């Protein structure tokens, strides 16, 4: 496993753990300041502050999500993460995340979720 893949998989594990416990700060931990998150069937959330508000609302309502990494393809300072997601409400689907390596390590710059069942 490459250093990029190890770092991203570790970040995703911590990210999932934060969501499982309802930790809003942890739920936005690895995203960049200008990250764009496109939820399944929804409008994009632009920027860390908007993403934090969305997680605060979702987690406050008891929503929980798990993302499972299927594969990571890394280039020079950029990586694509492909995986599956599921919610405790019975929804599930696929996702794609774009990661960038910088002074703070690997950070998520884009996420796109597609609902496939539920």
C-alpha atoms as a PDB file:
ATOM      1  CA  UNK A   1       0.000   0.000   0.000  1.00  0.00           C
ATOM      2  CA  UNK A   2       1.354   3.420  -0.945  1.00  0.00           C
ATOM      3  CA  UNK A   3       1.866   6.168   1.667  1.00  0.00           C
ATOM      4  CA  UNK A   4      -0.991   8.132   0.056  1.00  0.00           C
ATOM      5  CA  UNK A   5      -3.361   5.179   0.295  1.00  0.00           C
ATOM      6  CA  UNK A   6      -2.394   4.510   3.910  1.00  0.00           C
ATOM      7  CA  UNK A   7      -2.933   8.162   4.865  1.00  0.00           C
ATOM      8  CA  UNK A   8      -6.307   8.418   3.114  1.00  0.00           C
ATOM      9  CA  UNK A   9      -7.600   5.109   4.488  1.00  0.00           C
ATOM     10  CA  UNK A  10      -6.546   6.187   7.995  1.00  0.00           C
ATOM     11  CA  UNK A  11      -8.231   9.581   7.576  1.00  0.00           C
ATOM     12  CA  UNK A  12     -11.427   7.863   6.406  1.00  0.00           C
ATOM     13  CA  UNK A  13     -11.404   5.555   9.450  1.00  0.00           C
ATOM     14  CA  UNK A  14     -11.123   8.544  11.798  1.00  0.00           C
ATOM     15  CA  UNK A  15     -13.766  10.381   9.796  1.00  0.00           C
ATOM     16  CA  UNK A  16     -16.199   7.459  10.077  1.00  0.00           C
ATOM     17  CA  UNK A  17     -15.515   7.197  13.828  1.00  0.00           C
ATOM     18  CA  UNK A  18     -16.336  10.894  14.301  1.00  0.00           C
ATOM     19  CA  UNK A  19     -19.622  10.531  12.430  1.00  0.00           C
ATOM     20  CA  UNK A  20     -20.517   7.416  14.442  1.00  0.00           C
ATOM     21  CA  UNK A  21     -20.193   9.412  17.675  1.00  0.00           C
ATOM     22  CA  UNK A  22     -21.922  12.556  16.361  1.00  0.00           C
ATOM     23  CA  UNK A  23     -18.720  14.638  16.451  1.00  0.00           C
ATOM     24  CA  UNK A  24     -19.327  17.539  14.032  1.00  0.00           C
ATOM     25  CA  UNK A  25     -15.745  18.845  14.168  1.00  0.00           C
ATOM     26  CA  UNK A  26     -14.439  15.370  13.377  1.00  0.00           C
ATOM     27  CA  UNK A  27     -17.004  15.035  10.573  1.00  0.00           C
ATOM     28  CA  UNK A  28     -15.386  17.972   8.782  1.00  0.00           C
ATOM     29  CA  UNK A  29     -11.855  17.237  10.018  1.00  0.00           C
ATOM     30  CA  UNK A  30     -10.143  16.226   6.787  1.00  0.00           C
ATOM     31  CA  UNK A  31     -11.923  18.595   4.379  1.00  0.00           C
ATOM     32  CA  UNK A  32     -10.239  21.591   2.811  1.00  0.00           C
ATOM     33  CA  UNK A  33     -11.511  25.123   3.435  1.00  0.00           C
ATOM     34  CA  UNK A  34     -12.982  25.210  -0.093  1.00  0.00           C
ATOM     35  CA  UNK A  35     -14.181  21.600  -0.244  1.00  0.00           C
ATOM     36  CA  UNK A  36     -17.311  20.831  -2.264  1.00  0.00           C
ATOM     37  CA  UNK A  37     -19.597  18.042  -1.051  1.00  0.00           C
ATOM     38  CA  UNK A  38     -22.425  16.873  -3.298  1.00  0.00           C
ATOM     39  CA  UNK A  39     -24.857  14.715  -1.316  1.00  0.00           C
ATOM     40  CA  UNK A  40     -26.899  12.028  -3.046  1.00  0.00           C
ATOM     41  CA  UNK A  41     -29.715  13.752  -4.938  1.00  0.00           C
ATOM     42  CA  UNK A  42     -28.970  17.118  -3.357  1.00  0.00           C
ATOM     43  CA  UNK A  43     -27.447  20.493  -4.009  1.00  0.00           C
ATOM     44  CA  UNK A  44     -23.710  20.985  -3.362  1.00  0.00           C
ATOM     45  CA  UNK A  45     -22.351  22.308  -0.084  1.00  0.00           C
ATOM     46  CA  UNK A  46     -19.537  24.728  -0.884  1.00  0.00           C
ATOM     47  CA  UNK A  47     -16.821  25.248   1.698  1.00  0.00           C
ATOM     48  CA  UNK A  48     -15.946  23.893   5.098  1.00  0.00           C
ATOM     49  CA  UNK A  49     -18.448  26.127   6.945  1.00  0.00           C
ATOM     50  CA  UNK A  50     -21.400  24.973   4.817  1.00  0.00           C
ATOM     51  CA  UNK A  51     -20.330  21.338   5.186  1.00  0.00           C
ATOM     52  CA  UNK A  52     -20.060  21.743   8.974  1.00  0.00           C
ATOM     53  CA  UNK A  53     -23.603  23.168   9.099  1.00  0.00           C
ATOM     54  CA  UNK A  54     -24.907  20.235   7.072  1.00  0.00           C
ATOM     55  CA  UNK A  55     -23.188  17.709   9.347  1.00  0.00           C
ATOM     56  CA  UNK A  56     -24.411  19.538  12.460  1.00  0.00           C
ATOM     57  CA  UNK A  57     -27.995  19.247  11.187  1.00  0.00           C
ATOM     58  CA  UNK A  58     -27.665  15.612  10.068  1.00  0.00           C
ATOM     59  CA  UNK A  59     -25.856  14.397  13.163  1.00  0.00           C
ATOM     60  CA  UNK A  60     -28.209  16.368  15.397  1.00  0.00           C
ATOM     61  CA  UNK A  61     -31.110  14.473  13.823  1.00  0.00           C
ATOM     62  CA  UNK A  62     -29.365  11.181  14.590  1.00  0.00           C
ATOM     63  CA  UNK A  63     -28.209  10.429  11.045  1.00  0.00           C
ATOM     64  CA  UNK A  64     -25.181   8.166  10.817  1.00  0.00           C
ATOM     65  CA  UNK A  65     -23.191   7.215   7.731  1.00  0.00           C
ATOM     66  CA  UNK A  66     -20.287   4.892   6.995  1.00  0.00           C
ATOM     67  CA  UNK A  67     -18.044   5.141   3.958  1.00  0.00           C
ATOM     68  CA  UNK A  68     -16.045   2.062   2.966  1.00  0.00           C
ATOM     69  CA  UNK A  69     -13.026   2.557   0.745  1.00  0.00           C
ATOM     70  CA  UNK A  70     -12.883   0.186  -2.218  1.00  0.00           C
ATOM     71  CA  UNK A  71      -9.799   1.592  -3.931  1.00  0.00           C
ATOM     72  CA  UNK A  72      -7.528   4.594  -4.107  1.00  0.00           C
ATOM     73  CA  UNK A  73      -5.602   5.764  -7.142  1.00  0.00           C
ATOM     74  CA  UNK A  74      -2.849   8.252  -6.401  1.00  0.00           C
ATOM     75  CA  UNK A  75      -0.830  10.567  -8.595  1.00  0.00           C
ATOM     76  CA  UNK A  76       1.633  13.297  -7.677  1.00  0.00           C
ATOM     77  CA  UNK A  77      -0.040  15.126  -4.784  1.00  0.00           C
ATOM     78  CA  UNK A  78      -3.577  14.111  -5.813  1.00  0.00           C
ATOM     79  CA  UNK A  79      -5.635  10.972  -5.253  1.00  0.00           C
ATOM     80  CA  UNK A  80      -9.051   9.584  -6.103  1.00  0.00           C
ATOM     81  CA  UNK A  81     -10.901   7.499  -3.533  1.00  0.00           C
ATOM     82  CA  UNK A  82     -13.710   5.216  -4.706  1.00  0.00           C
ATOM     83  CA  UNK A  83     -16.047   3.499  -2.308  1.00  0.00           C
ATOM     84  CA  UNK A  84     -19.473   2.577  -0.997  1.00  0.00           C
ATOM     85  CA  UNK A  85     -21.538   4.383   1.616  1.00  0.00           C
ATOM     86  CA  UNK A  86     -24.498   3.370   3.725  1.00  0.00           C
ATOM     87  CA  UNK A  87     -26.677   5.037   6.327  1.00  0.00           C
ATOM     88  CA  UNK A  88     -28.407   3.675   9.367  1.00  0.00           C
ATOM     89  CA  UNK A  89     -31.677   4.666   7.633  1.00  0.00           C
ATOM     90  CA  UNK A  90     -31.137   1.942   5.005  1.00  0.00           C
ATOM     91  CA  UNK A  91     -29.813   4.164   2.218  1.00  0.00           C
ATOM     92  CA  UNK A  92     -26.672   3.205   0.340  1.00  0.00           C
ATOM     93  CA  UNK A  93     -24.676   3.928  -2.760  1.00  0.00           C
ATOM     94  CA  UNK A  94     -21.314   4.835  -4.231  1.00  0.00           C
ATOM     95  CA  UNK A  95     -18.990   7.795  -3.706  1.00  0.00           C
ATOM     96  CA  UNK A  96     -15.930   9.422  -5.208  1.00  0.00           C
ATOM     97  CA  UNK A  97     -13.598  11.685  -3.234  1.00  0.00           C
ATOM     98  CA  UNK A  98     -10.734  13.843  -4.516  1.00  0.00           C
ATOM     99  CA  UNK A  99      -7.792  14.291  -2.126  1.00  0.00           C
ATOM    100  CA  UNK A 100      -4.845  16.703  -2.274  1.00  0.00           C
ATOM    101  CA  UNK A 101      -1.551  16.487  -0.429  1.00  0.00           C
ATOM    102  CA  UNK A 102      -0.321  19.687   1.188  1.00  0.00           C
ATOM    103  CA  UNK A 103       1.348  21.096   4.279  1.00  0.00           C
ATOM    104  CA  UNK A 104      -1.346  19.526   6.502  1.00  0.00           C
ATOM    105  CA  UNK A 105      -1.076  16.114   4.807  1.00  0.00           C
ATOM    106  CA  UNK A 106      -3.844  14.605   2.703  1.00  0.00           C
ATOM    107  CA  UNK A 107      -7.089  16.613   2.718  1.00  0.00           C
ATOM    108  CA  UNK A 108     -10.390  15.952   0.947  1.00  0.00           C
ATOM    109  CA  UNK A 109     -11.251  18.623  -1.634  1.00  0.00           C
ATOM    110  CA  UNK A 110     -14.337  17.100  -3.302  1.00  0.00           C
ATOM    111  CA  UNK A 111     -16.892  14.407  -2.514  1.00  0.00           C
ATOM    112  CA  UNK A 112     -19.731  13.153  -4.698  1.00  0.00           C
ATOM    113  CA  UNK A 113     -22.337  10.691  -3.407  1.00  0.00           C
ATOM    114  CA  UNK A 114     -24.792   8.677  -5.498  1.00  0.00           C
ATOM    115  CA  UNK A 115     -27.709   6.828  -3.876  1.00  0.00           C
ATOM    116  CA  UNK A 116     -28.235   3.407  -5.427  1.00  0.00           C
ATOM    117  CA  UNK A 117     -30.709   1.825  -2.989  1.00  0.00           C
ATOM    118  CA  UNK A 118     -33.090   2.607  -0.183  1.00  0.00           C
END
